[in-house]
Amino acid sequence: MSILKSLRLTTASPVHASGSQHGFRVKLLRYLEEQKALAEAEIAGTTFTATKKVTRSNMEGEKIRVDAPRTVRKGWFTDATGKMFFQLRYGSKPLEFAKGMNAVAVENLAEVPGIIASIIEAINAGELDPQLTTAIAERKANFKPKAKKAGA
């Protein structure tokens, strides 16, 4: 009997988390957790520092991975009349919560972490899935496929 015949063979393909809706949901949740930490730090009067992994050369010339600070853009803003709002953004565009509604009105900064927690619950419940799908489609439409090189 063949060894391969003793195995359960099947057809499968890996799912790339970054390209799926689930991956986008995870990315959005990570962004919201960061926004919540930023708001809580600002309320407490402390500084919030987000980091990213970068490759740098050490004294011996070896390449090493280190944490480097990165800037985090606030998800809330105050308009000309003094009202505060919180927005979710995908790239440079705000994500709509409902038709024509792209922000949540906030009374003060202390309310922001609670609103973010509510948005996280809505995302986990799948309430923003149609908006996420639309945002992904709009973003993909902006990119043109790379032209193949002739003779390569």
C-alpha atoms as a PDB file:
ATOM      1  CA  MET A   1       0.000   0.000   0.000  1.00  0.00           C
ATOM      2  CA  SER A   2       1.246   3.478  -0.927  1.00  0.00           C
ATOM      3  CA  ILE A   3       2.038   5.974   1.837  1.00  0.00           C
ATOM      4  CA  LEU A   4       0.158   8.755   0.016  1.00  0.00           C
ATOM      5  CA  LYS A   5      -2.949   6.580  -0.192  1.00  0.00           C
ATOM      6  CA  SER A   6      -2.942   6.259   3.590  1.00  0.00           C
ATOM      7  CA  LEU A   7      -3.222  10.062   3.980  1.00  0.00           C
ATOM      8  CA  ARG A   8      -6.428  12.107   3.692  1.00  0.00           C
ATOM      9  CA  LEU A   9      -5.662  14.297   0.673  1.00  0.00           C
ATOM     10  CA  THR A  10      -7.784  17.363  -0.071  1.00  0.00           C
ATOM     11  CA  THR A  11      -7.707  20.698  -1.889  1.00  0.00           C
ATOM     12  CA  ALA A  12      -7.092  23.786   0.244  1.00  0.00           C
ATOM     13  CA  SER A  13      -5.894  27.334  -0.133  1.00  0.00           C
ATOM     14  CA  PRO A  14      -4.685  29.671   2.615  1.00  0.00           C
ATOM     15  CA  VAL A  15      -6.774  32.681   3.591  1.00  0.00           C
ATOM     16  CA  HIS A  16      -4.807  35.899   3.737  1.00  0.00           C
ATOM     17  CA  ALA A  17      -6.080  37.699   6.826  1.00  0.00           C
ATOM     18  CA  SER A  18      -4.994  41.133   5.602  1.00  0.00           C
ATOM     19  CA  GLY A  19      -7.051  40.866   2.416  1.00  0.00           C
ATOM     20  CA  SER A  20     -10.258  39.530   3.909  1.00  0.00           C
ATOM     21  CA  GLN A  21     -13.082  41.284   5.680  1.00  0.00           C
ATOM     22  CA  HIS A  22     -12.061  39.557   8.904  1.00  0.00           C
ATOM     23  CA  GLY A  23      -8.556  40.997   8.529  1.00  0.00           C
ATOM     24  CA  PHE A  24      -9.976  44.462   8.015  1.00  0.00           C
ATOM     25  CA  ARG A  25     -12.137  44.030  11.112  1.00  0.00           C
ATOM     26  CA  VAL A  26      -9.058  43.042  13.151  1.00  0.00           C
ATOM     27  CA  LYS A  27      -7.145  46.042  11.809  1.00  0.00           C
ATOM     28  CA  LEU A  28     -10.016  48.378  12.680  1.00  0.00           C
ATOM     29  CA  LEU A  29     -10.292  46.932  16.200  1.00  0.00           C
ATOM     30  CA  ARG A  30      -6.550  47.437  16.713  1.00  0.00           C
ATOM     31  CA  TYR A  31      -6.931  51.058  15.559  1.00  0.00           C
ATOM     32  CA  LEU A  32      -9.839  51.611  17.970  1.00  0.00           C
ATOM     33  CA  GLU A  33      -7.916  50.154  20.911  1.00  0.00           C
ATOM     34  CA  GLU A  34      -5.085  52.546  20.090  1.00  0.00           C
ATOM     35  CA  GLN A  35      -7.532  55.487  19.913  1.00  0.00           C
ATOM     36  CA  LYS A  36      -9.002  54.473  23.273  1.00  0.00           C
ATOM     37  CA  ALA A  37      -5.528  54.372  24.853  1.00  0.00           C
ATOM     38  CA  LEU A  38      -4.708  57.766  23.306  1.00  0.00           C
ATOM     39  CA  ALA A  39      -7.919  59.302  24.692  1.00  0.00           C
ATOM     40  CA  GLU A  40      -7.350  57.800  28.149  1.00  0.00           C
ATOM     41  CA  ALA A  41      -3.775  59.118  28.185  1.00  0.00           C
ATOM     42  CA  GLU A  42      -4.960  62.593  27.194  1.00  0.00           C
ATOM     43  CA  ILE A  43      -7.659  62.534  29.893  1.00  0.00           C
ATOM     44  CA  ALA A  44      -5.056  61.479  32.489  1.00  0.00           C
ATOM     45  CA  GLY A  45      -2.651  64.165  31.267  1.00  0.00           C
ATOM     46  CA  THR A  46       0.047  61.690  30.251  1.00  0.00           C
ATOM     47  CA  THR A  47       1.695  61.100  26.900  1.00  0.00           C
ATOM     48  CA  PHE A  48       0.821  58.194  24.655  1.00  0.00           C
ATOM     49  CA  THR A  49       3.575  56.671  22.558  1.00  0.00           C
ATOM     50  CA  ALA A  50       2.829  54.126  19.857  1.00  0.00           C
ATOM     51  CA  THR A  51       5.719  52.158  18.414  1.00  0.00           C
ATOM     52  CA  LYS A  52       6.502  50.235  15.278  1.00  0.00           C
ATOM     53  CA  LYS A  53       9.225  47.739  14.422  1.00  0.00           C
ATOM     54  CA  VAL A  54      11.991  49.112  12.198  1.00  0.00           C
ATOM     55  CA  THR A  55      15.317  47.758  11.004  1.00  0.00           C
ATOM     56  CA  ARG A  56      18.394  49.726  12.050  1.00  0.00           C
ATOM     57  CA  SER A  57      22.129  49.143  11.989  1.00  0.00           C
ATOM     58  CA  ASN A  58      23.901  48.829  15.320  1.00  0.00           C
ATOM     59  CA  MET A  59      27.501  49.889  16.125  1.00  0.00           C
ATOM     60  CA  GLU A  60      28.923  46.721  14.522  1.00  0.00           C
ATOM     61  CA  GLY A  61      26.944  47.291  11.309  1.00  0.00           C
ATOM     62  CA  GLU A  62      24.519  44.432  11.936  1.00  0.00           C
ATOM     63  CA  LYS A  63      20.882  44.880  11.027  1.00  0.00           C
ATOM     64  CA  ILE A  64      18.604  44.606  14.065  1.00  0.00           C
ATOM     65  CA  ARG A  65      14.862  45.105  14.680  1.00  0.00           C
ATOM     66  CA  VAL A  66      14.028  47.841  17.183  1.00  0.00           C
ATOM     67  CA  ASP A  67      10.923  49.704  18.332  1.00  0.00           C
ATOM     68  CA  ALA A  68      10.648  53.246  17.008  1.00  0.00           C
ATOM     69  CA  PRO A  69       8.011  55.807  17.997  1.00  0.00           C
ATOM     70  CA  ARG A  70       5.323  56.649  15.465  1.00  0.00           C
ATOM     71  CA  THR A  71       2.698  59.352  15.335  1.00  0.00           C
ATOM     72  CA  VAL A  72      -0.939  58.564  15.973  1.00  0.00           C
ATOM     73  CA  ARG A  73      -3.613  60.792  14.539  1.00  0.00           C
ATOM     74  CA  LYS A  74      -6.522  61.550  16.863  1.00  0.00           C
ATOM     75  CA  GLY A  75      -9.905  60.167  15.819  1.00  0.00           C
ATOM     76  CA  TRP A  76     -11.778  63.037  17.469  1.00  0.00           C
ATOM     77  CA  PHE A  77     -11.918  66.697  16.557  1.00  0.00           C
ATOM     78  CA  THR A  78     -13.704  69.923  17.483  1.00  0.00           C
ATOM     79  CA  ASP A  79     -15.518  71.916  14.788  1.00  0.00           C
ATOM     80  CA  ALA A  80     -15.776  75.725  14.476  1.00  0.00           C
ATOM     81  CA  THR A  81     -18.770  75.889  16.825  1.00  0.00           C
ATOM     82  CA  GLY A  82     -16.935  74.009  19.589  1.00  0.00           C
ATOM     83  CA  LYS A  83     -18.743  70.666  19.228  1.00  0.00           C
ATOM     84  CA  MET A  84     -16.636  67.521  19.501  1.00  0.00           C
ATOM     85  CA  PHE A  85     -16.963  64.520  17.173  1.00  0.00           C
ATOM     86  CA  PHE A  86     -15.359  61.084  16.791  1.00  0.00           C
ATOM     87  CA  GLN A  87     -14.758  59.553  13.337  1.00  0.00           C
ATOM     88  CA  LEU A  88     -13.550  56.201  12.090  1.00  0.00           C
ATOM     89  CA  ARG A  89     -11.282  56.535   9.085  1.00  0.00           C
ATOM     90  CA  TYR A  90     -10.230  54.026   6.469  1.00  0.00           C
ATOM     91  CA  GLY A  91      -7.209  55.566   4.828  1.00  0.00           C
ATOM     92  CA  SER A  92      -8.018  59.225   4.325  1.00  0.00           C
ATOM     93  CA  LYS A  93     -11.792  58.810   4.143  1.00  0.00           C
ATOM     94  CA  PRO A  94     -14.226  58.709   7.069  1.00  0.00           C
ATOM     95  CA  LEU A  95     -16.244  55.508   7.426  1.00  0.00           C
ATOM     96  CA  GLU A  96     -20.017  56.032   7.454  1.00  0.00           C
ATOM     97  CA  PHE A  97     -21.896  54.582  10.438  1.00  0.00           C
ATOM     98  CA  ALA A  98     -25.218  55.083   8.642  1.00  0.00           C
ATOM     99  CA  LYS A  99     -26.220  56.692   5.337  1.00  0.00           C
ATOM    100  CA  GLY A 100     -24.725  60.200   5.360  1.00  0.00           C
ATOM    101  CA  MET A 101     -23.601  59.924   9.016  1.00  0.00           C
ATOM    102  CA  ASN A 102     -19.829  59.667   9.393  1.00  0.00           C
ATOM    103  CA  ALA A 103     -19.240  60.886  12.949  1.00  0.00           C
ATOM    104  CA  VAL A 104     -20.461  60.441  16.518  1.00  0.00           C
ATOM    105  CA  ALA A 105     -21.236  63.577  18.535  1.00  0.00           C
ATOM    106  CA  VAL A 106     -19.282  63.692  21.792  1.00  0.00           C
ATOM    107  CA  GLU A 107     -19.987  65.961  24.778  1.00  0.00           C
ATOM    108  CA  ASN A 108     -16.401  65.997  26.066  1.00  0.00           C
ATOM    109  CA  LEU A 109     -13.144  64.068  25.868  1.00  0.00           C
ATOM    110  CA  ALA A 110     -14.053  61.915  28.899  1.00  0.00           C
ATOM    111  CA  GLU A 111     -16.892  60.395  26.846  1.00  0.00           C
ATOM    112  CA  VAL A 112     -14.619  59.241  23.975  1.00  0.00           C
ATOM    113  CA  PRO A 113     -13.392  55.933  25.531  1.00  0.00           C
ATOM    114  CA  GLY A 114     -17.005  54.860  26.196  1.00  0.00           C
ATOM    115  CA  ILE A 115     -18.023  55.657  22.624  1.00  0.00           C
ATOM    116  CA  ILE A 116     -15.046  53.716  21.295  1.00  0.00           C
ATOM    117  CA  ALA A 117     -16.052  50.731  23.456  1.00  0.00           C
ATOM    118  CA  SER A 118     -19.575  50.897  21.948  1.00  0.00           C
ATOM    119  CA  ILE A 119     -18.160  51.004  18.408  1.00  0.00           C
ATOM    120  CA  ILE A 120     -15.959  47.981  19.210  1.00  0.00           C
ATOM    121  CA  GLU A 121     -19.074  46.075  20.338  1.00  0.00           C
ATOM    122  CA  ALA A 122     -20.863  47.045  17.107  1.00  0.00           C
ATOM    123  CA  ILE A 123     -17.936  45.816  14.999  1.00  0.00           C
ATOM    124  CA  ASN A 124     -17.776  42.516  16.902  1.00  0.00           C
ATOM    125  CA  ALA A 125     -21.536  42.094  16.396  1.00  0.00           C
ATOM    126  CA  GLY A 126     -21.088  42.643  12.634  1.00  0.00           C
ATOM    127  CA  GLU A 127     -23.144  45.841  12.501  1.00  0.00           C
ATOM    128  CA  LEU A 128     -20.534  47.679  10.410  1.00  0.00           C
ATOM    129  CA  ASP A 129     -19.825  44.852   7.944  1.00  0.00           C
ATOM    130  CA  PRO A 130     -21.694  46.492   5.006  1.00  0.00           C
ATOM    131  CA  GLN A 131     -19.773  49.736   5.521  1.00  0.00           C
ATOM    132  CA  LEU A 132     -16.492  47.818   5.768  1.00  0.00           C
ATOM    133  CA  THR A 133     -17.223  45.963   2.534  1.00  0.00           C
ATOM    134  CA  THR A 134     -18.020  49.237   0.750  1.00  0.00           C
ATOM    135  CA  ALA A 135     -14.854  50.908   2.063  1.00  0.00           C
ATOM    136  CA  ILE A 136     -12.707  47.976   0.936  1.00  0.00           C
ATOM    137  CA  ALA A 137     -14.277  48.044  -2.550  1.00  0.00           C
ATOM    138  CA  GLU A 138     -13.791  51.816  -2.890  1.00  0.00           C
ATOM    139  CA  ARG A 139     -10.185  51.540  -1.769  1.00  0.00           C
ATOM    140  CA  LYS A 140      -9.443  48.712  -4.214  1.00  0.00           C
ATOM    141  CA  ALA A 141     -10.998  50.719  -7.064  1.00  0.00           C
ATOM    142  CA  ASN A 142      -8.358  53.430  -6.553  1.00  0.00           C
ATOM    143  CA  PHE A 143      -5.502  51.066  -7.314  1.00  0.00           C
ATOM    144  CA  LYS A 144      -4.697  50.021 -10.862  1.00  0.00           C
ATOM    145  CA  PRO A 145      -3.160  46.612 -11.528  1.00  0.00           C
ATOM    146  CA  LYS A 146       0.536  46.733 -12.346  1.00  0.00           C
ATOM    147  CA  ALA A 147       1.329  46.471 -16.037  1.00  0.00           C
ATOM    148  CA  LYS A 148       3.337  43.416 -16.969  1.00  0.00           C
ATOM    149  CA  LYS A 149       6.758  44.074 -18.480  1.00  0.00           C
ATOM    150  CA  ALA A 150       7.160  43.085 -22.114  1.00  0.00           C
ATOM    151  CA  GLY A 151       9.756  40.404 -22.740  1.00  0.00           C
ATOM    152  CA  ALA A 152      10.283  39.599 -19.103  1.00  0.00           C
END
